[in-house]
Amino acid sequence: MQTATDSLLRGWRDDLVSGRLSPAGFREAVTGHVLSHIRCSEVSIWHFTGPVGQRRLVCVAANSRAEGWHRRPYDALLEAQFSQYFEEISRTRIVRSDDAWADPRLAGFRDSLVERDVRALLDVSFAVNGHVYGVICCEQMGHTRTWTAAETQWLRRFATALSTQIARARGADQWEKPLPVAVR
């Protein structure tokens, strides 16, 4: 199964590098694939910018089961405001929360989670060339959810495969740019 994922990502990377696929098209393909595999409400990809202690997470892609390619902008997340989350995602490379509203690691997000009805969260960070690069975020809206070990393991493997393809892509810097407001 992982070979199929690697092959799929390699094909999308080649299409991105050759110009057959736009950066937005690459992001949409990646988030759509995760959305169909994990079967959650929404999948987004975030990119780290700035030095440790002053990092920001910027949304570069989002896809929801209800709306498709995401059109709403997200605010950047600042490490100074969400230090517990940043530390956890950097140290363990995963934040798995079956009940996001009650999770102390997500206390800084609580108002946003409640407003959007996000009840469970499965986030996996990935590294490129040894540096924590981004986060794949899976959200479940409407009800809590117990993320299975198989889902968590699949998302970890997918994030690793994605980071490999990003590292190999020339022009990957285009992939990490935030979505323009018109695309969001």
N, C-alpha and C. Protein backbone atom coordinates (compact mmCIF):
# COMPACT_ATOMS: atom_id res chain seq x y z
N MET A 1 0.83 -1.20 0.00
CA MET A 1 0.00 0.00 0.00
C MET A 1 0.87 1.26 0.00
N GLN A 2 1.94 1.28 0.80
CA GLN A 2 2.77 2.48 0.84
C GLN A 2 3.44 2.73 -0.50
N THR A 3 3.77 1.69 -1.23
CA THR A 3 4.37 1.86 -2.55
C THR A 3 3.41 2.61 -3.46
N ALA A 4 2.13 2.31 -3.38
CA ALA A 4 1.13 3.02 -4.20
C ALA A 4 1.08 4.49 -3.81
N THR A 5 1.14 4.80 -2.52
CA THR A 5 1.14 6.19 -2.05
C THR A 5 2.39 6.91 -2.53
N ASP A 6 3.55 6.25 -2.39
CA ASP A 6 4.80 6.85 -2.86
C ASP A 6 4.73 7.15 -4.35
N SER A 7 4.21 6.21 -5.10
CA SER A 7 4.09 6.38 -6.56
C SER A 7 3.15 7.53 -6.91
N LEU A 8 2.05 7.60 -6.21
CA LEU A 8 1.08 8.67 -6.43
C LEU A 8 1.71 10.04 -6.14
N LEU A 9 2.36 10.16 -5.00
CA LEU A 9 3.01 11.42 -4.64
C LEU A 9 4.14 11.76 -5.61
N ARG A 10 4.90 10.78 -6.03
CA ARG A 10 5.97 11.00 -6.99
C ARG A 10 5.41 11.53 -8.31
N GLY A 11 4.29 10.98 -8.74
CA GLY A 11 3.64 11.46 -9.96
C GLY A 11 3.16 12.89 -9.83
N TRP A 12 2.56 13.21 -8.70
CA TRP A 12 2.11 14.60 -8.48
C TRP A 12 3.30 15.55 -8.41
N ARG A 13 4.39 15.11 -7.75
CA ARG A 13 5.59 15.95 -7.68
C ARG A 13 6.14 16.19 -9.09
N ASP A 14 6.24 15.14 -9.89
CA ASP A 14 6.75 15.30 -11.26
C ASP A 14 5.87 16.25 -12.06
N ASP A 15 4.56 16.13 -11.88
CA ASP A 15 3.63 17.03 -12.58
C ASP A 15 3.79 18.47 -12.09
N LEU A 16 4.06 18.64 -10.80
CA LEU A 16 4.28 19.98 -10.25
C LEU A 16 5.56 20.59 -10.82
N VAL A 17 6.63 19.82 -10.81
CA VAL A 17 7.92 20.32 -11.29
C VAL A 17 7.86 20.64 -12.78
N SER A 18 7.15 19.82 -13.55
CA SER A 18 7.08 20.03 -15.00
C SER A 18 6.10 21.14 -15.39
N GLY A 19 5.28 21.57 -14.45
CA GLY A 19 4.29 22.60 -14.74
C GLY A 19 2.95 22.05 -15.19
N ARG A 20 2.82 20.72 -15.29
CA ARG A 20 1.52 20.12 -15.66
C ARG A 20 0.50 20.26 -14.54
N LEU A 21 1.00 20.51 -13.33
CA LEU A 21 0.14 20.67 -12.16
C LEU A 21 0.61 21.93 -11.43
N SER A 22 -0.34 22.81 -11.13
CA SER A 22 -0.01 24.04 -10.41
C SER A 22 0.24 23.70 -8.93
N PRO A 23 0.89 24.61 -8.20
CA PRO A 23 1.04 24.38 -6.76
C PRO A 23 -0.32 24.16 -6.08
N ALA A 24 -1.32 24.95 -6.47
CA ALA A 24 -2.66 24.77 -5.88
C ALA A 24 -3.23 23.40 -6.25
N GLY A 25 -3.00 22.96 -7.48
CA GLY A 25 -3.47 21.63 -7.90
C GLY A 25 -2.79 20.52 -7.12
N PHE A 26 -1.49 20.68 -6.85
CA PHE A 26 -0.76 19.71 -6.05
C PHE A 26 -1.34 19.64 -4.65
N ARG A 27 -1.56 20.81 -4.05
CA ARG A 27 -2.13 20.86 -2.70
C ARG A 27 -3.52 20.23 -2.66
N GLU A 28 -4.31 20.54 -3.66
CA GLU A 28 -5.67 19.99 -3.70
C GLU A 28 -5.63 18.47 -3.83
N ALA A 29 -4.74 17.95 -4.65
CA ALA A 29 -4.62 16.50 -4.81
C ALA A 29 -4.20 15.85 -3.49
N VAL A 30 -3.22 16.43 -2.82
CA VAL A 30 -2.72 15.88 -1.56
C VAL A 30 -3.81 15.90 -0.49
N THR A 31 -4.45 17.05 -0.30
CA THR A 31 -5.48 17.13 0.75
C THR A 31 -6.68 16.26 0.42
N GLY A 32 -7.04 16.18 -0.85
CA GLY A 32 -8.15 15.33 -1.26
C GLY A 32 -7.87 13.86 -1.00
N HIS A 33 -6.62 13.44 -1.24
CA HIS A 33 -6.24 12.05 -1.00
C HIS A 33 -6.34 11.71 0.49
N VAL A 34 -5.81 12.61 1.33
CA VAL A 34 -5.89 12.37 2.78
C VAL A 34 -7.35 12.37 3.23
N LEU A 35 -8.13 13.31 2.73
CA LEU A 35 -9.55 13.40 3.09
C LEU A 35 -10.28 12.10 2.74
N SER A 36 -10.02 11.54 1.58
CA SER A 36 -10.71 10.31 1.18
C SER A 36 -10.22 9.10 1.97
N HIS A 37 -8.96 9.12 2.38
CA HIS A 37 -8.44 7.97 3.13
C HIS A 37 -8.84 8.01 4.60
N ILE A 38 -8.69 9.17 5.23
CA ILE A 38 -9.00 9.30 6.66
C ILE A 38 -10.51 9.45 6.89
N ARG A 39 -11.21 9.99 5.92
CA ARG A 39 -12.67 10.19 5.99
C ARG A 39 -13.08 11.06 7.18
N CYS A 40 -12.39 12.17 7.30
CA CYS A 40 -12.73 13.14 8.33
C CYS A 40 -13.48 14.30 7.67
N SER A 41 -13.76 15.34 8.42
CA SER A 41 -14.52 16.48 7.88
C SER A 41 -13.66 17.40 7.03
N GLU A 42 -12.40 17.61 7.45
CA GLU A 42 -11.55 18.55 6.74
C GLU A 42 -10.08 18.18 6.91
N VAL A 43 -9.30 18.45 5.86
CA VAL A 43 -7.85 18.26 5.90
C VAL A 43 -7.21 19.56 5.45
N SER A 44 -6.21 20.00 6.20
CA SER A 44 -5.46 21.18 5.80
C SER A 44 -3.98 20.91 5.96
N ILE A 45 -3.19 21.69 5.24
CA ILE A 45 -1.73 21.59 5.34
C ILE A 45 -1.21 22.96 5.72
N TRP A 46 -0.32 22.95 6.69
CA TRP A 46 0.25 24.18 7.24
C TRP A 46 1.75 24.14 7.09
N HIS A 47 2.37 25.29 6.89
CA HIS A 47 3.82 25.40 6.72
C HIS A 47 4.40 26.26 7.82
N PHE A 48 5.50 25.80 8.44
CA PHE A 48 6.21 26.58 9.44
C PHE A 48 7.05 27.67 8.77
N THR A 49 7.02 28.87 9.33
CA THR A 49 7.91 29.94 8.91
C THR A 49 8.52 30.56 10.16
N GLY A 50 9.68 31.18 10.02
CA GLY A 50 10.32 31.87 11.13
C GLY A 50 11.18 30.97 11.98
N PRO A 51 12.02 31.60 12.84
CA PRO A 51 12.91 30.84 13.72
C PRO A 51 12.16 30.28 14.93
N VAL A 52 12.73 29.22 15.51
CA VAL A 52 12.13 28.61 16.71
C VAL A 52 11.97 29.69 17.77
N GLY A 53 10.82 29.70 18.38
CA GLY A 53 10.47 30.70 19.38
C GLY A 53 9.62 31.82 18.79
N GLN A 54 9.73 32.00 17.47
CA GLN A 54 8.96 33.03 16.78
C GLN A 54 8.26 32.45 15.56
N ARG A 55 8.09 31.13 15.54
CA ARG A 55 7.51 30.47 14.37
C ARG A 55 6.03 30.82 14.21
N ARG A 56 5.61 30.66 12.97
CA ARG A 56 4.21 30.79 12.61
C ARG A 56 3.84 29.56 11.80
N LEU A 57 2.62 29.14 11.91
CA LEU A 57 2.08 28.10 11.03
C LEU A 57 1.11 28.81 10.10
N VAL A 58 1.33 28.65 8.79
CA VAL A 58 0.53 29.31 7.78
C VAL A 58 -0.17 28.24 6.95
N CYS A 59 -1.46 28.37 6.80
CA CYS A 59 -2.22 27.41 6.01
C CYS A 59 -1.90 27.58 4.53
N VAL A 60 -1.49 26.49 3.88
CA VAL A 60 -1.20 26.53 2.45
C VAL A 60 -2.22 25.73 1.64
N ALA A 61 -3.05 24.96 2.32
CA ALA A 61 -4.05 24.16 1.60
C ALA A 61 -5.13 23.70 2.56
N ALA A 62 -6.35 23.61 2.06
CA ALA A 62 -7.45 23.08 2.87
C ALA A 62 -8.51 22.51 1.95
N ASN A 63 -9.10 21.42 2.39
CA ASN A 63 -10.09 20.71 1.60
C ASN A 63 -11.09 20.11 2.59
N SER A 64 -12.36 20.35 2.36
CA SER A 64 -13.36 19.82 3.30
C SER A 64 -14.34 18.92 2.57
N ARG A 65 -14.84 17.97 3.32
CA ARG A 65 -15.81 17.02 2.77
C ARG A 65 -17.08 17.76 2.34
N ALA A 66 -17.48 18.77 3.09
CA ALA A 66 -18.72 19.50 2.80
C ALA A 66 -18.56 20.51 1.66
N GLU A 67 -17.41 21.20 1.61
CA GLU A 67 -17.25 22.30 0.67
C GLU A 67 -16.24 22.04 -0.43
N GLY A 68 -15.47 20.98 -0.35
CA GLY A 68 -14.41 20.74 -1.33
C GLY A 68 -13.23 21.64 -1.06
N TRP A 69 -12.55 22.05 -2.14
CA TRP A 69 -11.39 22.92 -2.02
C TRP A 69 -11.78 24.13 -1.20
N HIS A 70 -11.07 24.36 -0.14
CA HIS A 70 -11.43 25.34 0.89
C HIS A 70 -11.31 26.76 0.39
N ARG A 71 -12.32 27.55 0.62
CA ARG A 71 -12.34 28.94 0.17
C ARG A 71 -12.19 29.95 1.30
N ARG A 72 -12.27 29.51 2.56
CA ARG A 72 -12.15 30.45 3.68
C ARG A 72 -10.71 30.58 4.13
N PRO A 73 -10.23 31.80 4.35
CA PRO A 73 -8.85 31.96 4.83
C PRO A 73 -8.74 31.61 6.32
N TYR A 74 -7.57 31.14 6.70
CA TYR A 74 -7.26 30.90 8.10
C TYR A 74 -6.19 31.88 8.53
N ASP A 75 -6.26 32.33 9.76
CA ASP A 75 -5.21 33.17 10.31
C ASP A 75 -3.98 32.31 10.60
N ALA A 76 -2.81 32.90 10.47
CA ALA A 76 -1.58 32.21 10.85
C ALA A 76 -1.61 31.97 12.35
N LEU A 77 -1.00 30.87 12.78
CA LEU A 77 -0.90 30.53 14.19
C LEU A 77 0.49 30.93 14.67
N LEU A 78 0.56 31.68 15.75
CA LEU A 78 1.82 32.18 16.27
C LEU A 78 2.30 31.33 17.43
N GLU A 79 3.56 30.97 17.39
CA GLU A 79 4.13 30.13 18.44
C GLU A 79 3.97 30.77 19.82
N ALA A 80 4.11 32.10 19.90
CA ALA A 80 3.97 32.79 21.17
C ALA A 80 2.58 32.58 21.78
N GLN A 81 1.56 32.46 20.95
CA GLN A 81 0.19 32.28 21.44
C GLN A 81 -0.14 30.82 21.72
N PHE A 82 0.44 29.91 20.97
CA PHE A 82 0.09 28.49 21.03
C PHE A 82 1.31 27.64 21.34
N SER A 83 2.10 28.06 22.31
CA SER A 83 3.39 27.43 22.59
C SER A 83 3.26 25.95 22.94
N GLN A 84 2.24 25.57 23.68
CA GLN A 84 2.08 24.17 24.07
C GLN A 84 1.85 23.28 22.84
N TYR A 85 1.03 23.74 21.92
CA TYR A 85 0.79 22.99 20.69
C TYR A 85 2.08 22.91 19.86
N PHE A 86 2.76 24.05 19.66
CA PHE A 86 4.00 24.08 18.86
C PHE A 86 5.04 23.12 19.44
N GLU A 87 5.18 23.12 20.77
CA GLU A 87 6.16 22.24 21.40
C GLU A 87 5.80 20.78 21.15
N GLU A 88 4.53 20.43 21.34
CA GLU A 88 4.08 19.05 21.17
C GLU A 88 4.25 18.58 19.73
N ILE A 89 3.84 19.37 18.77
CA ILE A 89 3.90 18.95 17.37
C ILE A 89 5.35 18.88 16.89
N SER A 90 6.23 19.71 17.46
CA SER A 90 7.64 19.67 17.09
C SER A 90 8.37 18.50 17.76
N ARG A 91 8.05 18.25 19.02
CA ARG A 91 8.75 17.22 19.80
C ARG A 91 8.31 15.81 19.42
N THR A 92 6.99 15.58 19.41
CA THR A 92 6.50 14.22 19.18
C THR A 92 6.04 13.99 17.75
N ARG A 93 5.92 15.08 17.00
CA ARG A 93 5.48 15.08 15.60
C ARG A 93 4.02 14.69 15.42
N ILE A 94 3.27 14.64 16.53
CA ILE A 94 1.85 14.29 16.42
C ILE A 94 1.07 14.95 17.55
N VAL A 95 -0.12 15.43 17.21
CA VAL A 95 -1.09 15.84 18.22
C VAL A 95 -2.37 15.10 17.84
N ARG A 96 -2.70 14.13 18.66
CA ARG A 96 -3.90 13.32 18.44
C ARG A 96 -4.86 13.64 19.56
N SER A 97 -6.01 14.20 19.21
CA SER A 97 -6.98 14.59 20.21
C SER A 97 -8.36 14.07 19.81
N ASP A 98 -8.86 13.13 20.58
CA ASP A 98 -10.18 12.56 20.31
C ASP A 98 -11.30 13.50 20.76
N ASP A 99 -10.98 14.39 21.69
CA ASP A 99 -11.93 15.39 22.18
C ASP A 99 -11.20 16.73 22.27
N ALA A 100 -11.16 17.45 21.16
CA ALA A 100 -10.36 18.67 21.05
C ALA A 100 -10.79 19.76 22.02
N TRP A 101 -12.08 19.82 22.35
CA TRP A 101 -12.55 20.87 23.23
C TRP A 101 -12.03 20.69 24.66
N ALA A 102 -11.74 19.46 25.05
CA ALA A 102 -11.29 19.18 26.41
C ALA A 102 -9.77 19.02 26.51
N ASP A 103 -9.07 19.09 25.39
CA ASP A 103 -7.63 18.84 25.37
C ASP A 103 -6.85 20.08 25.79
N PRO A 104 -6.07 20.02 26.90
CA PRO A 104 -5.34 21.19 27.37
C PRO A 104 -4.28 21.68 26.37
N ARG A 105 -3.75 20.80 25.52
CA ARG A 105 -2.76 21.22 24.51
C ARG A 105 -3.38 22.15 23.48
N LEU A 106 -4.70 22.11 23.37
CA LEU A 106 -5.41 22.91 22.37
C LEU A 106 -6.20 24.06 23.00
N ALA A 107 -5.92 24.35 24.25
CA ALA A 107 -6.67 25.39 24.97
C ALA A 107 -6.64 26.73 24.25
N GLY A 108 -5.53 27.07 23.64
CA GLY A 108 -5.43 28.33 22.92
C GLY A 108 -6.31 28.39 21.69
N PHE A 109 -6.67 27.23 21.16
CA PHE A 109 -7.52 27.14 19.97
C PHE A 109 -9.00 27.00 20.30
N ARG A 110 -9.32 26.81 21.56
CA ARG A 110 -10.67 26.38 21.94
C ARG A 110 -11.77 27.22 21.31
N ASP A 111 -11.66 28.55 21.36
CA ASP A 111 -12.72 29.40 20.78
C ASP A 111 -12.91 29.12 19.30
N SER A 112 -11.81 29.00 18.58
CA SER A 112 -11.88 28.72 17.14
C SER A 112 -12.46 27.33 16.88
N LEU A 113 -12.05 26.36 17.69
CA LEU A 113 -12.57 24.99 17.53
C LEU A 113 -14.07 24.95 17.78
N VAL A 114 -14.52 25.61 18.83
CA VAL A 114 -15.94 25.64 19.16
C VAL A 114 -16.73 26.36 18.06
N GLU A 115 -16.21 27.50 17.62
CA GLU A 115 -16.88 28.27 16.58
C GLU A 115 -17.06 27.45 15.29
N ARG A 116 -16.05 26.65 14.94
CA ARG A 116 -16.10 25.86 13.72
C ARG A 116 -16.66 24.45 13.96
N ASP A 117 -16.99 24.13 15.22
CA ASP A 117 -17.51 22.82 15.62
C ASP A 117 -16.53 21.69 15.37
N VAL A 118 -15.22 21.98 15.49
CA VAL A 118 -14.18 20.96 15.36
C VAL A 118 -14.08 20.23 16.69
N ARG A 119 -14.44 18.96 16.69
CA ARG A 119 -14.50 18.20 17.94
C ARG A 119 -13.31 17.27 18.15
N ALA A 120 -12.62 16.88 17.07
CA ALA A 120 -11.46 16.00 17.18
C ALA A 120 -10.42 16.43 16.16
N LEU A 121 -9.15 16.20 16.51
CA LEU A 121 -8.05 16.70 15.69
C LEU A 121 -6.94 15.65 15.64
N LEU A 122 -6.43 15.41 14.46
CA LEU A 122 -5.27 14.53 14.28
C LEU A 122 -4.28 15.29 13.42
N ASP A 123 -3.20 15.78 14.04
CA ASP A 123 -2.18 16.56 13.35
C ASP A 123 -0.87 15.79 13.37
N VAL A 124 -0.21 15.75 12.21
CA VAL A 124 1.09 15.11 12.10
C VAL A 124 2.03 16.09 11.41
N SER A 125 3.18 16.35 12.04
CA SER A 125 4.16 17.23 11.41
C SER A 125 5.08 16.39 10.53
N PHE A 126 5.73 17.07 9.60
CA PHE A 126 6.69 16.39 8.75
C PHE A 126 7.89 17.29 8.55
N ALA A 127 9.03 16.65 8.31
CA ALA A 127 10.29 17.36 8.18
C ALA A 127 10.80 17.24 6.74
N VAL A 128 11.50 18.29 6.30
CA VAL A 128 12.17 18.28 5.00
C VAL A 128 13.62 18.63 5.27
N ASN A 129 14.51 17.76 4.81
CA ASN A 129 15.95 17.95 5.03
C ASN A 129 16.29 18.16 6.51
N GLY A 130 15.59 17.41 7.38
CA GLY A 130 15.88 17.44 8.80
C GLY A 130 15.24 18.54 9.61
N HIS A 131 14.48 19.41 8.97
CA HIS A 131 13.84 20.52 9.68
C HIS A 131 12.33 20.34 9.64
N VAL A 132 11.68 20.54 10.80
CA VAL A 132 10.22 20.46 10.83
C VAL A 132 9.69 21.50 9.84
N TYR A 133 8.90 21.05 8.91
CA TYR A 133 8.52 21.84 7.75
C TYR A 133 7.05 22.23 7.75
N GLY A 134 6.19 21.27 8.11
CA GLY A 134 4.77 21.54 8.05
C GLY A 134 3.95 20.56 8.86
N VAL A 135 2.64 20.73 8.77
CA VAL A 135 1.68 19.90 9.51
C VAL A 135 0.53 19.54 8.59
N ILE A 136 0.16 18.27 8.62
CA ILE A 136 -1.09 17.83 8.00
C ILE A 136 -2.10 17.74 9.13
N CYS A 137 -3.19 18.46 8.98
CA CYS A 137 -4.20 18.56 10.03
C CYS A 137 -5.51 17.92 9.56
N CYS A 138 -5.97 16.91 10.28
CA CYS A 138 -7.26 16.27 10.01
C CYS A 138 -8.22 16.69 11.12
N GLU A 139 -9.37 17.19 10.73
CA GLU A 139 -10.36 17.66 11.70
C GLU A 139 -11.67 16.90 11.54
N GLN A 140 -12.29 16.58 12.67
CA GLN A 140 -13.62 15.99 12.68
C GLN A 140 -14.57 17.00 13.29
N MET A 141 -15.59 17.36 12.56
CA MET A 141 -16.57 18.33 13.04
C MET A 141 -17.85 17.62 13.44
N GLY A 142 -18.56 18.24 14.38
CA GLY A 142 -19.87 17.75 14.75
C GLY A 142 -19.91 16.74 15.88
N HIS A 143 -18.84 15.97 16.07
CA HIS A 143 -18.80 14.98 17.14
C HIS A 143 -17.35 14.60 17.42
N THR A 144 -17.11 14.10 18.63
CA THR A 144 -15.78 13.63 18.97
C THR A 144 -15.50 12.38 18.12
N ARG A 145 -14.24 12.00 18.09
CA ARG A 145 -13.86 10.86 17.27
C ARG A 145 -12.63 10.20 17.88
N THR A 146 -12.66 8.91 17.95
CA THR A 146 -11.49 8.17 18.39
C THR A 146 -10.70 7.81 17.14
N TRP A 147 -9.55 8.48 16.99
CA TRP A 147 -8.69 8.21 15.84
C TRP A 147 -8.06 6.84 16.05
N THR A 148 -8.11 5.99 15.06
CA THR A 148 -7.57 4.64 15.21
C THR A 148 -6.05 4.64 15.05
N ALA A 149 -5.43 3.60 15.57
CA ALA A 149 -3.98 3.44 15.39
C ALA A 149 -3.65 3.33 13.91
N ALA A 150 -4.49 2.66 13.14
CA ALA A 150 -4.24 2.51 11.70
C ALA A 150 -4.30 3.87 10.99
N GLU A 151 -5.25 4.73 11.36
CA GLU A 151 -5.34 6.06 10.75
C GLU A 151 -4.11 6.90 11.09
N THR A 152 -3.72 6.84 12.36
CA THR A 152 -2.56 7.59 12.81
C THR A 152 -1.29 7.12 12.10
N GLN A 153 -1.12 5.82 12.02
CA GLN A 153 0.05 5.25 11.35
C GLN A 153 0.06 5.60 9.87
N TRP A 154 -1.10 5.49 9.22
CA TRP A 154 -1.17 5.83 7.79
C TRP A 154 -0.80 7.30 7.57
N LEU A 155 -1.34 8.20 8.41
CA LEU A 155 -1.05 9.62 8.24
C LEU A 155 0.43 9.91 8.48
N ARG A 156 1.04 9.25 9.44
CA ARG A 156 2.49 9.43 9.67
C ARG A 156 3.28 9.00 8.45
N ARG A 157 2.95 7.84 7.90
CA ARG A 157 3.66 7.36 6.71
C ARG A 157 3.43 8.28 5.53
N PHE A 158 2.20 8.75 5.37
CA PHE A 158 1.89 9.66 4.27
C PHE A 158 2.69 10.96 4.42
N ALA A 159 2.75 11.51 5.63
CA ALA A 159 3.50 12.75 5.86
C ALA A 159 4.97 12.56 5.55
N THR A 160 5.52 11.42 5.91
CA THR A 160 6.93 11.13 5.60
C THR A 160 7.13 11.05 4.09
N ALA A 161 6.24 10.37 3.40
CA ALA A 161 6.34 10.26 1.94
C ALA A 161 6.19 11.64 1.28
N LEU A 162 5.28 12.45 1.79
CA LEU A 162 5.08 13.80 1.27
C LEU A 162 6.35 14.63 1.45
N SER A 163 6.96 14.55 2.62
CA SER A 163 8.17 15.34 2.87
C SER A 163 9.30 14.93 1.93
N THR A 164 9.39 13.65 1.63
CA THR A 164 10.40 13.17 0.68
C THR A 164 10.19 13.79 -0.69
N GLN A 165 8.95 13.82 -1.13
CA GLN A 165 8.66 14.37 -2.46
C GLN A 165 8.87 15.88 -2.50
N ILE A 166 8.55 16.58 -1.42
CA ILE A 166 8.78 18.03 -1.36
C ILE A 166 10.28 18.30 -1.42
N ALA A 167 11.07 17.52 -0.67
CA ALA A 167 12.52 17.71 -0.66
C ALA A 167 13.12 17.47 -2.04
N ARG A 168 12.54 16.55 -2.80
CA ARG A 168 13.08 16.22 -4.13
C ARG A 168 12.59 17.17 -5.22
N ALA A 169 11.57 17.93 -4.94
CA ALA A 169 11.00 18.80 -5.97
C ALA A 169 11.82 20.08 -6.10
N ARG A 170 12.21 20.37 -7.32
CA ARG A 170 12.81 21.68 -7.58
C ARG A 170 11.63 22.64 -7.72
N GLY A 171 11.75 23.78 -7.09
CA GLY A 171 10.64 24.72 -7.12
C GLY A 171 9.63 24.46 -6.03
N ALA A 172 10.03 23.63 -5.04
CA ALA A 172 9.10 23.33 -3.94
C ALA A 172 8.74 24.57 -3.15
N ASP A 173 9.59 25.61 -3.25
CA ASP A 173 9.28 26.84 -2.53
C ASP A 173 7.95 27.42 -2.99
N GLN A 174 7.53 27.12 -4.20
CA GLN A 174 6.23 27.56 -4.68
C GLN A 174 5.10 26.83 -3.95
N TRP A 175 5.39 25.61 -3.53
CA TRP A 175 4.37 24.81 -2.87
C TRP A 175 4.05 25.36 -1.49
N GLU A 176 5.03 25.94 -0.82
CA GLU A 176 4.83 26.34 0.57
C GLU A 176 4.20 27.71 0.72
N LYS A 177 4.05 28.46 -0.36
CA LYS A 177 3.47 29.78 -0.23
C LYS A 177 2.01 29.68 0.20
N PRO A 178 1.59 30.60 1.07
CA PRO A 178 0.17 30.58 1.48
C PRO A 178 -0.74 30.75 0.27
N LEU A 179 -1.92 30.22 0.39
CA LEU A 179 -2.89 30.37 -0.68
C LEU A 179 -3.26 31.85 -0.83
N PRO A 180 -3.29 32.35 -2.05
CA PRO A 180 -3.77 33.72 -2.24
C PRO A 180 -5.23 33.79 -1.81
N VAL A 181 -5.65 34.94 -1.36
CA VAL A 181 -7.02 35.10 -0.89
C VAL A 181 -8.02 34.65 -1.95
N ALA A 182 -7.74 34.95 -3.21
CA ALA A 182 -8.66 34.58 -4.30
C ALA A 182 -8.83 33.08 -4.42
N VAL A 183 -7.79 32.30 -4.08
CA VAL A 183 -7.86 30.85 -4.17
C VAL A 183 -8.47 30.26 -2.92
N ARG A 184 -8.19 30.90 -1.77
CA ARG A 184 -8.71 30.39 -0.50
C ARG A 184 -10.20 30.47 -0.50
